[in-house]
Amino acid sequence: MDTEKIIAELDGIYGKGKGLGIYTTIMPGIIADFTGILNKARPGAVIKEEYGLEDKKAVVYVRGTKQKTGLTDISIEIKKYNLRTD
C-alpha cells in the first residue's frame, strides 16, 4: 500500500493539498473494516470490497489475499466516481 500514491490520487480528485486530510479521515475506517472481513476469510481467499465516499466523488477499491501464514496482502486503488447512465 503506497500512501503517497493514494494521497496523490485523492489530490487529483479533490484538489491539490486536500488528499492528506481526506486520507487521514477515511482510510483508517476503511482499513479496519476490510481487515475485519479479511481476518474472517479462509486462508487463500481473495477478498474485494468497494467503498464509495459519501460525497460521491471517489470510490476506494480494496483487494486482499489472506495467506496461509495469517499474513495478508492488501492493495488499494482510488478512482473518481463515475455515474453510469446506461
N, C-alpha and C. Protein backbone atom coordinates (compact mmCIF):
# COMPACT_ATOMS: atom_id res chain seq x y z
N MET A 1 0.86 -1.17 0.00
CA MET A 1 0.00 0.00 0.00
C MET A 1 0.90 1.23 0.00
N ASP A 2 0.84 2.02 -1.05
CA ASP A 2 1.69 3.20 -1.21
C ASP A 2 0.90 4.44 -0.80
N THR A 3 1.13 4.91 0.41
CA THR A 3 0.39 6.04 0.96
C THR A 3 0.52 7.28 0.09
N GLU A 4 1.73 7.57 -0.38
CA GLU A 4 1.93 8.77 -1.20
C GLU A 4 1.13 8.72 -2.49
N LYS A 5 1.04 7.55 -3.09
CA LYS A 5 0.26 7.39 -4.33
C LYS A 5 -1.22 7.61 -4.06
N ILE A 6 -1.71 7.07 -2.96
CA ILE A 6 -3.12 7.24 -2.61
C ILE A 6 -3.43 8.71 -2.36
N ILE A 7 -2.56 9.39 -1.64
CA ILE A 7 -2.76 10.82 -1.37
C ILE A 7 -2.73 11.62 -2.67
N ALA A 8 -1.83 11.27 -3.58
CA ALA A 8 -1.75 11.96 -4.88
C ALA A 8 -3.04 11.74 -5.68
N GLU A 9 -3.58 10.53 -5.64
CA GLU A 9 -4.84 10.25 -6.34
C GLU A 9 -5.98 11.08 -5.74
N LEU A 10 -6.01 11.17 -4.42
CA LEU A 10 -7.04 11.99 -3.76
C LEU A 10 -6.86 13.46 -4.10
N ASP A 11 -5.63 13.94 -4.17
CA ASP A 11 -5.36 15.32 -4.59
C ASP A 11 -5.92 15.58 -5.98
N GLY A 12 -5.75 14.60 -6.87
CA GLY A 12 -6.25 14.75 -8.23
C GLY A 12 -7.76 14.83 -8.32
N ILE A 13 -8.43 14.20 -7.39
CA ILE A 13 -9.89 14.21 -7.39
C ILE A 13 -10.44 15.41 -6.63
N TYR A 14 -9.86 15.72 -5.47
CA TYR A 14 -10.42 16.75 -4.59
C TYR A 14 -9.73 18.10 -4.68
N GLY A 15 -8.56 18.14 -5.29
CA GLY A 15 -7.82 19.40 -5.39
C GLY A 15 -6.50 19.32 -4.64
N LYS A 16 -5.52 20.00 -5.17
CA LYS A 16 -4.17 19.96 -4.62
C LYS A 16 -4.16 20.33 -3.13
N GLY A 17 -3.51 19.48 -2.35
CA GLY A 17 -3.36 19.72 -0.93
C GLY A 17 -4.47 19.16 -0.05
N LYS A 18 -5.51 18.62 -0.66
CA LYS A 18 -6.63 18.10 0.13
C LYS A 18 -6.53 16.59 0.38
N GLY A 19 -5.67 15.91 -0.36
CA GLY A 19 -5.57 14.46 -0.28
C GLY A 19 -5.18 13.93 1.08
N LEU A 20 -4.23 14.57 1.73
CA LEU A 20 -3.75 14.09 3.04
C LEU A 20 -4.87 14.13 4.07
N GLY A 21 -5.61 15.21 4.11
CA GLY A 21 -6.70 15.33 5.08
C GLY A 21 -7.78 14.30 4.85
N ILE A 22 -8.11 14.07 3.59
CA ILE A 22 -9.12 13.08 3.26
C ILE A 22 -8.60 11.69 3.59
N TYR A 23 -7.34 11.43 3.26
CA TYR A 23 -6.71 10.13 3.55
C TYR A 23 -6.77 9.83 5.04
N THR A 24 -6.38 10.79 5.87
CA THR A 24 -6.34 10.54 7.32
C THR A 24 -7.75 10.42 7.91
N THR A 25 -8.75 10.92 7.21
CA THR A 25 -10.12 10.83 7.68
C THR A 25 -10.77 9.50 7.30
N ILE A 26 -10.60 9.09 6.05
CA ILE A 26 -11.34 7.92 5.57
C ILE A 26 -10.60 6.59 5.67
N MET A 27 -9.30 6.60 5.48
CA MET A 27 -8.58 5.34 5.35
C MET A 27 -8.54 4.49 6.62
N PRO A 28 -8.40 5.06 7.80
CA PRO A 28 -8.39 4.19 8.99
C PRO A 28 -9.65 3.33 9.11
N GLY A 29 -10.80 3.91 8.85
CA GLY A 29 -12.05 3.16 8.93
C GLY A 29 -12.17 2.11 7.84
N ILE A 30 -11.75 2.46 6.64
CA ILE A 30 -11.80 1.51 5.53
C ILE A 30 -10.86 0.34 5.80
N ILE A 31 -9.65 0.63 6.23
CA ILE A 31 -8.68 -0.43 6.52
C ILE A 31 -9.17 -1.32 7.67
N ALA A 32 -9.74 -0.72 8.70
CA ALA A 32 -10.25 -1.51 9.83
C ALA A 32 -11.38 -2.43 9.39
N ASP A 33 -12.30 -1.90 8.60
CA ASP A 33 -13.41 -2.71 8.12
C ASP A 33 -12.91 -3.85 7.23
N PHE A 34 -12.04 -3.52 6.29
CA PHE A 34 -11.55 -4.54 5.37
C PHE A 34 -10.71 -5.60 6.09
N THR A 35 -9.90 -5.18 7.03
CA THR A 35 -9.09 -6.13 7.79
C THR A 35 -9.97 -7.10 8.56
N GLY A 36 -11.07 -6.61 9.12
CA GLY A 36 -12.01 -7.48 9.82
C GLY A 36 -12.61 -8.52 8.89
N ILE A 37 -12.99 -8.10 7.69
CA ILE A 37 -13.54 -9.02 6.70
C ILE A 37 -12.48 -10.05 6.30
N LEU A 38 -11.28 -9.58 6.04
CA LEU A 38 -10.20 -10.46 5.60
C LEU A 38 -9.81 -11.46 6.69
N ASN A 39 -9.81 -11.02 7.94
CA ASN A 39 -9.46 -11.91 9.05
C ASN A 39 -10.44 -13.07 9.20
N LYS A 40 -11.69 -12.86 8.80
CA LYS A 40 -12.70 -13.92 8.89
C LYS A 40 -12.65 -14.88 7.71
N ALA A 41 -11.92 -14.52 6.67
CA ALA A 41 -11.85 -15.35 5.46
C ALA A 41 -10.95 -16.56 5.67
N ARG A 42 -11.15 -17.55 4.85
CA ARG A 42 -10.31 -18.75 4.90
C ARG A 42 -8.96 -18.44 4.25
N PRO A 43 -7.91 -19.13 4.65
CA PRO A 43 -6.59 -18.93 4.02
C PRO A 43 -6.67 -19.17 2.52
N GLY A 44 -6.03 -18.30 1.78
CA GLY A 44 -6.03 -18.38 0.32
C GLY A 44 -7.15 -17.60 -0.33
N ALA A 45 -8.11 -17.12 0.45
CA ALA A 45 -9.24 -16.39 -0.10
C ALA A 45 -8.82 -15.02 -0.60
N VAL A 46 -9.38 -14.62 -1.73
CA VAL A 46 -9.18 -13.28 -2.28
C VAL A 46 -10.46 -12.50 -2.01
N ILE A 47 -10.33 -11.40 -1.31
CA ILE A 47 -11.48 -10.58 -0.94
C ILE A 47 -11.38 -9.24 -1.66
N LYS A 48 -12.50 -8.80 -2.22
CA LYS A 48 -12.56 -7.49 -2.90
C LYS A 48 -13.72 -6.71 -2.31
N GLU A 49 -13.47 -5.48 -1.98
CA GLU A 49 -14.51 -4.60 -1.44
C GLU A 49 -14.43 -3.25 -2.14
N GLU A 50 -15.55 -2.59 -2.20
CA GLU A 50 -15.66 -1.27 -2.82
C GLU A 50 -16.30 -0.33 -1.79
N TYR A 51 -15.64 0.78 -1.54
CA TYR A 51 -16.13 1.76 -0.57
C TYR A 51 -16.38 3.08 -1.30
N GLY A 52 -17.64 3.43 -1.45
CA GLY A 52 -17.99 4.70 -2.07
C GLY A 52 -17.97 5.80 -1.03
N LEU A 53 -17.29 6.90 -1.33
CA LEU A 53 -17.25 8.01 -0.40
C LEU A 53 -18.59 8.73 -0.41
N GLU A 54 -18.96 9.28 0.73
CA GLU A 54 -20.28 9.89 0.89
C GLU A 54 -20.56 11.01 -0.10
N ASP A 55 -19.53 11.75 -0.47
CA ASP A 55 -19.76 12.87 -1.38
C ASP A 55 -19.86 12.44 -2.84
N LYS A 56 -19.73 11.14 -3.09
CA LYS A 56 -19.84 10.55 -4.42
C LYS A 56 -18.77 11.04 -5.40
N LYS A 57 -17.65 11.52 -4.88
CA LYS A 57 -16.56 11.96 -5.75
C LYS A 57 -15.55 10.87 -6.03
N ALA A 58 -15.45 9.89 -5.14
CA ALA A 58 -14.43 8.86 -5.31
C ALA A 58 -14.91 7.53 -4.75
N VAL A 59 -14.28 6.47 -5.26
CA VAL A 59 -14.53 5.12 -4.80
C VAL A 59 -13.19 4.50 -4.45
N VAL A 60 -13.14 3.83 -3.31
CA VAL A 60 -11.93 3.16 -2.87
C VAL A 60 -12.13 1.66 -3.08
N TYR A 61 -11.25 1.07 -3.90
CA TYR A 61 -11.29 -0.37 -4.15
C TYR A 61 -10.17 -1.01 -3.35
N VAL A 62 -10.54 -2.00 -2.55
CA VAL A 62 -9.55 -2.69 -1.71
C VAL A 62 -9.61 -4.17 -2.06
N ARG A 63 -8.44 -4.74 -2.25
CA ARG A 63 -8.33 -6.16 -2.59
C ARG A 63 -7.28 -6.77 -1.67
N GLY A 64 -7.58 -7.93 -1.14
CA GLY A 64 -6.63 -8.57 -0.25
C GLY A 64 -6.69 -10.08 -0.36
N THR A 65 -5.57 -10.70 -0.06
CA THR A 65 -5.47 -12.15 -0.03
C THR A 65 -4.98 -12.57 1.34
N LYS A 66 -5.74 -13.45 1.98
CA LYS A 66 -5.30 -13.97 3.27
C LYS A 66 -4.37 -15.13 3.01
N GLN A 67 -3.16 -15.01 3.49
CA GLN A 67 -2.16 -16.05 3.30
C GLN A 67 -2.33 -17.16 4.34
N LYS A 68 -1.80 -18.32 4.05
CA LYS A 68 -1.88 -19.45 4.99
C LYS A 68 -1.13 -19.16 6.28
N THR A 69 -0.14 -18.27 6.21
CA THR A 69 0.64 -17.91 7.40
C THR A 69 -0.10 -16.94 8.30
N GLY A 70 -1.26 -16.45 7.83
CA GLY A 70 -2.02 -15.48 8.60
C GLY A 70 -1.75 -14.04 8.17
N LEU A 71 -0.66 -13.86 7.43
CA LEU A 71 -0.36 -12.53 6.90
C LEU A 71 -1.32 -12.21 5.77
N THR A 72 -1.47 -10.94 5.46
CA THR A 72 -2.36 -10.54 4.37
C THR A 72 -1.62 -9.65 3.39
N ASP A 73 -2.07 -9.70 2.17
CA ASP A 73 -1.54 -8.84 1.11
C ASP A 73 -2.70 -7.96 0.67
N ILE A 74 -2.58 -6.65 0.85
CA ILE A 74 -3.67 -5.72 0.56
C ILE A 74 -3.23 -4.70 -0.47
N SER A 75 -4.09 -4.44 -1.46
CA SER A 75 -3.85 -3.37 -2.42
C SER A 75 -5.05 -2.44 -2.41
N ILE A 76 -4.77 -1.16 -2.63
CA ILE A 76 -5.82 -0.13 -2.60
C ILE A 76 -5.72 0.70 -3.86
N GLU A 77 -6.88 0.97 -4.46
CA GLU A 77 -6.93 1.81 -5.64
C GLU A 77 -8.08 2.80 -5.44
N ILE A 78 -7.84 4.03 -5.82
CA ILE A 78 -8.87 5.06 -5.69
C ILE A 78 -9.18 5.59 -7.08
N LYS A 79 -10.45 5.65 -7.39
CA LYS A 79 -10.88 6.15 -8.70
C LYS A 79 -11.94 7.22 -8.51
N LYS A 80 -11.96 8.13 -9.44
CA LYS A 80 -13.00 9.14 -9.46
C LYS A 80 -14.32 8.43 -9.73
N TYR A 81 -15.33 8.80 -8.99
CA TYR A 81 -16.65 8.20 -9.13
C TYR A 81 -17.25 8.62 -10.45
N ASN A 82 -17.72 7.65 -11.22
CA ASN A 82 -18.40 7.92 -12.50
C ASN A 82 -19.82 7.43 -12.42
N LEU A 83 -20.74 8.32 -12.58
CA LEU A 83 -22.16 7.97 -12.57
C LEU A 83 -22.52 7.35 -13.90
N ARG A 84 -23.00 6.12 -13.86
CA ARG A 84 -23.40 5.44 -15.10
C ARG A 84 -24.80 5.86 -15.47
N THR A 85 -25.01 6.05 -16.74
CA THR A 85 -26.34 6.45 -17.21
C THR A 85 -26.97 5.37 -18.09
N ASP A 86 -26.33 4.20 -18.20
CA ASP A 86 -26.90 3.13 -19.04
C ASP A 86 -27.77 2.18 -18.27
